Amino acid sequence: MRILLTTTSYQDTPGKHHDLLKASGHEIITGRGPLPEDEMLRLVTEDGGVDGLLNGDDAITRKVIEAALPRLKAISKYGIGLDSVDVQAATDLKVPVLFTPGVNHTTVAEHSFGLMISLAKHFHAEISHVKNGSWKRITGSELAGKTLGIIGLGRIGKEVAKRAIAFDMNVVAFDIYPDKVFANQFGIEMLDSADAVADVADVLSLHMFLTDENRGYINADRISRMKDNAMIINCARGGLINEADVAQACKSGKLLGYAADVLDHEPIKAPHIFQDIDNIIITPHIGSRTFESVERQALMSTQNLLNVLEGKAPLAQANKF
């Protein structure tokens, strides 16, 4: 069979996943994602099409899925976020959408906390000053004693909470499916809405899926009701914020800063509104890109796809039909 592999961290990171894919005996064609719809349409239709997708954040639209049929047998997402995949279209067209829950929560939580520390201590600006031969010293902020608000207390949010508690932070959170046992165990106060969390947070960390309902959730109105000098950390999806509003809040001093591993449109298209704002830190969607996490995600996404191609049940499927 024929598999299209587009996720770059899978391709660029050595590990057992390469052995697993090679041992399958299937033909592998590659692209360098994230790819737009037009490029995906080309790749899934040329030379007879493909039987399976091993994809990252490429645009898997209804049009792409329809074009890949009838040969396409499964879409195997390398990761857990499915906002780039038209899951409803795949379900309507009886194409399994596979994903990899539970493989990257540790590394994304570490990345979130790294961004938090970098923002509070002005690491980005200070490192730049020293490397440019300057000795400009900016006064930072302690995290200890601050209130961390977590929106989305799932696997990643829980790992962030545990690290925050070790830093003597107070943790409040909201989740649509609250884990009261976990919250009680770690002394986390569960609030009744995302807004209630944002209102009291000194540091707000976003860990929810992107939906039509929460797109642009962090906007000028929302920021105006947050504490002065609050920080926002986003290792979820870039579409959760209004980039222009966040940029203005950082420039005006309303926010101490914004640090994220994601943008609304990736990769970055220069010039970008964030580029010249010192208290905005952006990393290129590498929160789960560690040797350990890449191998876990790649092995699971590969095994998911191989199982379906061999007529077996996948390890994790996001849609049912």
Protein backbone atom coordinates (compact mmCIF):
# COMPACT_ATOMS: atom_id res chain seq x y z
CA MET A 1 0.00 0.00 0.00
CA ARG A 2 0.97 3.66 -0.25
CA ILE A 3 1.37 6.03 2.73
CA LEU A 4 1.80 9.81 2.67
CA LEU A 5 3.96 11.05 5.55
CA THR A 6 3.95 14.82 6.08
CA THR A 7 4.91 15.53 9.69
CA THR A 8 8.43 16.95 9.83
CA SER A 9 9.33 16.06 13.42
CA TYR A 10 8.60 12.41 12.59
CA GLN A 11 10.87 12.59 9.55
CA ASP A 12 13.67 14.60 11.18
CA THR A 13 13.98 12.74 14.51
CA PRO A 14 15.69 9.35 14.64
CA GLY A 15 13.99 6.55 16.51
CA LYS A 16 12.24 3.19 16.41
CA HIS A 17 9.30 4.64 14.46
CA HIS A 18 11.40 4.64 11.29
CA ASP A 19 12.11 0.94 11.74
CA LEU A 20 8.42 0.19 12.29
CA LEU A 21 7.35 2.06 9.18
CA LYS A 22 10.09 0.55 7.02
CA ALA A 23 9.30 -2.97 8.23
CA SER A 24 5.70 -2.57 7.10
CA GLY A 25 6.84 -2.91 3.49
CA HIS A 26 4.49 -0.17 2.32
CA GLU A 27 5.55 2.53 -0.16
CA ILE A 28 6.22 5.80 1.67
CA ILE A 29 5.95 9.20 0.00
CA THR A 30 6.72 12.36 1.92
CA GLY A 31 5.86 16.04 2.14
CA ARG A 32 7.08 18.79 4.45
CA GLY A 33 4.12 19.99 6.46
CA PRO A 34 2.11 21.74 7.58
CA LEU A 35 0.74 21.75 4.05
CA PRO A 36 -2.17 23.83 2.70
CA GLU A 37 -5.20 22.33 1.00
CA ASP A 38 -3.91 22.74 -2.56
CA GLU A 39 -0.68 20.87 -1.83
CA MET A 40 -2.55 18.10 0.00
CA LEU A 41 -4.89 17.76 -2.97
CA ARG A 42 -1.91 17.27 -5.25
CA LEU A 43 -0.23 14.69 -3.03
CA VAL A 44 -3.32 12.55 -2.37
CA THR A 45 -4.26 12.33 -6.04
CA GLU A 46 -1.03 11.99 -8.02
CA ASP A 47 0.35 8.61 -9.11
CA GLY A 48 -2.79 6.73 -8.16
CA GLY A 49 -3.36 8.21 -4.71
CA VAL A 50 -2.64 6.96 -1.21
CA ASP A 51 -4.07 4.38 1.19
CA GLY A 52 -3.14 6.18 4.40
CA LEU A 53 -2.10 9.55 5.77
CA LEU A 54 0.46 10.06 8.54
CA ASN A 55 -0.15 13.75 9.03
CA GLY A 56 0.62 16.60 11.37
CA ASP A 57 -1.19 19.95 11.10
CA ASP A 58 -1.84 19.80 7.36
CA ALA A 59 -5.19 20.97 5.98
CA ILE A 60 -7.20 17.75 5.80
CA THR A 61 -10.41 19.30 4.50
CA ARG A 62 -13.55 17.68 3.13
CA LYS A 63 -12.24 18.43 -0.36
CA VAL A 64 -8.96 16.63 0.38
CA ILE A 65 -10.70 13.60 1.87
CA GLU A 66 -13.13 13.35 -1.04
CA ALA A 67 -10.25 13.63 -3.53
CA ALA A 68 -8.36 10.82 -1.78
CA LEU A 69 -11.28 8.41 -2.03
CA PRO A 70 -11.98 5.66 -2.78
CA ARG A 71 -8.40 4.57 -2.07
CA LEU A 72 -7.91 6.33 1.28
CA LYS A 73 -8.46 3.98 4.21
CA ALA A 74 -7.38 6.03 7.24
CA ILE A 75 -6.12 9.40 8.47
CA SER A 76 -3.58 8.95 11.26
CA LYS A 77 -2.86 12.19 13.11
CA TYR A 78 0.57 12.50 14.68
CA GLY A 79 -0.65 14.28 17.83
CA ILE A 80 -3.92 14.94 19.60
CA GLY A 81 -5.24 18.24 18.17
CA LEU A 82 -7.68 17.60 15.34
CA ASP A 83 -8.69 21.14 14.38
CA SER A 84 -6.80 20.83 11.07
CA VAL A 85 -8.79 17.71 10.17
CA ASP A 86 -12.43 17.87 9.06
CA VAL A 87 -13.47 15.07 11.38
CA GLN A 88 -17.15 15.44 10.46
CA ALA A 89 -16.35 15.04 6.78
CA ALA A 90 -14.22 11.98 7.50
CA THR A 91 -17.05 10.50 9.56
CA ASP A 92 -19.61 11.20 6.83
CA LEU A 93 -17.31 9.53 4.31
CA LYS A 94 -16.55 6.56 6.62
CA VAL A 95 -12.82 7.31 6.94
CA PRO A 96 -11.31 6.55 10.38
CA VAL A 97 -9.51 9.47 12.05
CA LEU A 98 -6.81 8.14 14.36
CA PHE A 99 -4.86 10.12 16.95
CA THR A 100 -2.33 9.73 19.78
CA PRO A 101 -3.67 10.72 23.21
CA GLY A 102 -1.42 10.38 26.23
CA VAL A 103 1.98 10.60 24.54
CA ASN A 104 3.09 14.23 24.82
CA HIS A 105 1.66 15.63 28.06
CA THR A 106 4.99 15.63 29.90
CA THR A 107 7.00 17.48 27.28
CA VAL A 108 4.27 20.03 26.48
CA ALA A 109 3.88 20.77 30.18
CA GLU A 110 7.64 21.28 30.47
CA HIS A 111 7.55 23.61 27.48
CA SER A 112 4.66 25.57 28.96
CA PHE A 113 6.56 26.04 32.18
CA GLY A 114 9.73 26.97 30.35
CA LEU A 115 7.85 29.72 28.52
CA MET A 116 6.35 30.87 31.81
CA ILE A 117 9.75 31.22 33.47
CA SER A 118 11.25 32.87 30.38
CA LEU A 119 8.50 35.47 30.32
CA ALA A 120 8.59 36.19 34.06
CA LYS A 121 12.38 36.59 34.06
CA HIS A 122 12.64 38.34 30.66
CA PHE A 123 15.04 35.65 29.42
CA HIS A 124 14.40 36.36 25.74
CA ALA A 125 15.25 40.07 25.97
CA GLU A 126 18.12 39.59 28.42
CA ILE A 127 19.82 36.88 26.38
CA SER A 128 19.58 39.11 23.32
CA HIS A 129 21.11 42.05 25.23
CA VAL A 130 24.11 40.05 26.44
CA LYS A 131 24.75 38.44 23.06
CA ASN A 132 24.75 41.92 21.56
CA GLY A 133 27.38 43.07 24.05
CA SER A 134 25.02 44.93 26.37
CA TRP A 135 24.53 44.48 30.13
CA LYS A 136 20.98 45.83 30.41
CA ARG A 137 19.27 44.31 33.45
CA ILE A 138 15.46 44.13 33.66
CA THR A 139 13.68 43.40 36.94
CA GLY A 140 11.70 40.17 36.68
CA SER A 141 8.84 38.60 38.62
CA GLU A 142 8.67 35.57 40.90
CA LEU A 143 6.21 32.81 40.15
CA ALA A 144 5.99 31.70 43.78
CA GLY A 145 2.83 33.01 45.40
CA LYS A 146 1.23 33.88 42.06
CA THR A 147 -2.09 32.42 40.91
CA LEU A 148 -1.84 30.16 37.88
CA GLY A 149 -5.11 29.80 36.01
CA ILE A 150 -5.42 26.74 33.80
CA ILE A 151 -8.18 26.49 31.21
CA GLY A 152 -8.36 22.85 30.21
CA LEU A 153 -7.30 20.54 33.02
CA GLY A 154 -6.71 17.50 30.87
CA ARG A 155 -3.51 15.46 30.64
CA ILE A 156 -1.30 18.44 29.81
CA GLY A 157 -3.05 20.86 32.12
CA LYS A 158 -2.64 18.44 35.02
CA GLU A 159 1.10 18.15 34.41
CA VAL A 160 1.40 21.95 34.31
CA ALA A 161 -0.54 22.16 37.58
CA LYS A 162 1.80 19.71 39.33
CA ARG A 163 4.84 21.73 38.28
CA ALA A 164 3.19 24.96 39.40
CA ILE A 165 2.50 23.53 42.83
CA ALA A 166 6.17 22.58 43.12
CA PHE A 167 6.92 26.27 42.44
CA ASP A 168 4.60 27.31 45.31
CA MET A 169 1.99 28.77 42.98
CA ASN A 170 -1.72 28.79 43.75
CA VAL A 171 -3.64 26.92 41.05
CA VAL A 172 -7.20 27.49 39.88
CA ALA A 173 -8.68 25.74 36.87
CA PHE A 174 -11.68 25.09 34.69
CA ASP A 175 -12.49 22.04 32.63
CA ILE A 176 -15.76 20.98 31.05
CA TYR A 177 -15.20 17.52 32.56
CA PRO A 178 -13.64 18.38 35.94
CA ASP A 179 -11.53 15.71 37.63
CA LYS A 180 -12.47 16.46 41.23
CA VAL A 181 -10.33 13.65 42.61
CA PHE A 182 -7.19 15.12 41.00
CA ALA A 183 -8.14 18.65 42.07
CA ASN A 184 -8.65 17.58 45.67
CA GLN A 185 -5.41 15.59 45.69
CA PHE A 186 -3.34 18.61 44.59
CA GLY A 187 -5.30 21.40 46.24
CA ILE A 188 -6.52 22.93 42.98
CA GLU A 189 -9.59 25.16 43.14
CA MET A 190 -11.99 24.30 40.32
CA LEU A 191 -13.96 27.32 39.13
CA ASP A 192 -17.25 27.24 37.24
CA SER A 193 -16.14 28.91 34.00
CA ALA A 194 -13.14 29.78 31.87
CA ASP A 195 -13.92 33.46 32.44
CA ALA A 196 -13.74 33.01 36.21
CA VAL A 197 -10.26 31.53 35.84
CA ALA A 198 -9.05 34.30 33.51
CA ASP A 199 -10.38 36.98 35.89
CA VAL A 200 -8.17 35.91 38.82
CA ALA A 201 -5.04 34.58 37.11
CA ASP A 202 -1.65 36.21 37.39
CA VAL A 203 -0.55 33.65 34.81
CA LEU A 204 -3.14 32.17 32.44
CA SER A 205 -2.19 28.91 30.70
CA LEU A 206 -4.36 27.69 27.82
CA HIS A 207 -4.79 23.96 27.30
CA MET A 208 -8.09 23.53 25.50
CA PHE A 209 -8.91 22.30 22.02
CA LEU A 210 -9.72 24.93 19.40
CA THR A 211 -13.40 25.03 18.43
CA ASP A 212 -15.66 27.44 16.56
CA GLU A 213 -16.99 28.56 19.95
CA ASN A 214 -13.65 29.47 21.57
CA ARG A 215 -11.80 30.85 18.54
CA GLY A 216 -10.42 34.26 19.51
CA TYR A 217 -11.35 33.72 23.17
CA ILE A 218 -8.47 35.91 24.33
CA ASN A 219 -9.46 39.24 22.83
CA ALA A 220 -9.46 42.91 23.87
CA ASP A 221 -12.61 42.55 25.96
CA ARG A 222 -11.34 39.45 27.75
CA ILE A 223 -7.93 41.04 28.40
CA SER A 224 -9.51 44.22 29.78
CA ARG A 225 -11.04 42.14 32.59
CA MET A 226 -7.81 40.36 33.46
CA LYS A 227 -5.38 41.53 36.12
CA ASP A 228 -2.88 44.19 35.16
CA ASN A 229 0.53 42.66 34.39
CA ALA A 230 -0.93 39.19 33.87
CA MET A 231 0.91 36.75 31.63
CA ILE A 232 -0.66 34.44 29.06
CA ILE A 233 0.91 31.12 28.05
CA ASN A 234 -0.43 29.26 25.01
CA CYS A 235 0.78 25.78 24.13
CA ALA A 236 -2.59 24.77 22.71
CA ARG A 237 -3.66 26.49 19.47
CA GLY A 238 -2.90 29.92 18.03
CA GLY A 239 -6.53 30.47 17.08
CA LEU A 240 -7.52 30.72 20.74
CA ILE A 241 -6.30 34.33 20.76
CA ASN A 242 -6.88 37.45 18.72
CA GLU A 243 -3.29 38.21 17.75
CA ALA A 244 -3.83 41.93 17.15
CA ASP A 245 -5.49 42.39 20.54
CA VAL A 246 -2.77 40.48 22.37
CA ALA A 247 -0.07 42.48 20.58
CA GLN A 248 -1.69 45.74 21.62
CA ALA A 249 -2.08 44.61 25.24
CA CYS A 250 1.61 43.66 25.39
CA LYS A 251 2.75 46.94 23.84
CA SER A 252 0.56 49.01 26.16
CA GLY A 253 1.74 47.22 29.29
CA LYS A 254 -1.67 45.84 30.21
CA LEU A 255 -0.15 42.36 29.90
CA LEU A 256 3.30 41.60 31.27
CA GLY A 257 3.67 39.42 28.23
CA TYR A 258 2.51 36.59 26.02
CA ALA A 259 4.44 33.38 25.36
CA ALA A 260 3.27 30.71 22.96
CA ASP A 261 4.35 27.69 20.97
CA VAL A 262 1.65 28.25 18.37
CA LEU A 263 0.38 30.80 15.87
CA ASP A 264 -2.98 31.10 14.16
CA HIS A 265 -1.27 30.47 10.81
CA GLU A 266 1.82 28.27 10.77
CA PRO A 267 4.58 28.56 9.79
CA ILE A 268 4.98 32.28 10.54
CA LYS A 269 4.47 34.64 7.62
CA ALA A 270 6.77 37.64 7.93
CA PRO A 271 6.22 40.44 8.58
CA HIS A 272 4.18 39.39 11.62
CA ILE A 273 2.64 41.64 14.24
CA PHE A 274 4.52 39.84 17.04
CA GLN A 275 8.03 40.15 15.63
CA ASP A 276 9.04 43.51 17.09
CA ILE A 277 7.41 43.19 20.53
CA ASP A 278 9.97 42.23 23.18
CA ASN A 279 7.50 40.84 25.71
CA ILE A 280 6.06 38.35 23.23
CA ILE A 281 7.91 35.04 22.93
CA ILE A 282 6.99 32.58 20.18
CA THR A 283 8.55 29.16 19.62
CA PRO A 284 7.88 27.27 16.34
CA HIS A 285 5.42 24.61 17.58
CA ILE A 286 8.10 22.48 19.23
CA GLY A 287 6.37 21.82 22.56
CA SER A 288 6.13 18.11 21.82
CA ARG A 289 9.33 17.93 19.78
CA THR A 290 11.64 16.04 22.10
CA PHE A 291 13.38 12.79 21.23
CA GLU A 292 11.25 10.96 23.78
CA SER A 293 7.90 12.44 22.81
CA VAL A 294 8.47 12.27 19.05
CA GLU A 295 9.21 8.58 19.27
CA ARG A 296 6.12 7.93 21.42
CA GLN A 297 3.84 9.90 19.09
CA ALA A 298 5.38 8.47 15.94
CA LEU A 299 5.20 4.87 17.13
CA MET A 300 1.55 5.25 18.14
CA SER A 301 0.48 7.09 14.99
CA THR A 302 2.31 4.55 12.82
CA GLN A 303 0.85 1.56 14.65
CA ASN A 304 -2.60 3.14 14.47
CA LEU A 305 -2.34 3.38 10.70
CA LEU A 306 -0.75 -0.01 10.16
CA ASN A 307 -3.46 -1.66 12.25
CA VAL A 308 -6.21 -0.19 10.06
CA LEU A 309 -4.40 -1.03 6.85
CA GLU A 310 -4.10 -4.61 8.09
CA GLY A 311 -7.78 -4.81 9.04
CA LYS A 312 -7.17 -4.55 12.79
CA ALA A 313 -8.52 -2.15 15.39
CA PRO A 314 -6.48 1.05 15.88
CA LEU A 315 -5.03 2.01 19.25
CA ALA A 316 -7.10 5.22 19.34
CA GLN A 317 -9.80 6.51 17.00
CA ALA A 318 -11.44 9.93 17.28
CA ASN A 319 -14.56 9.29 15.21
CA LYS A 320 -17.21 6.60 15.13
CA PHE A 321 -19.55 5.53 12.35
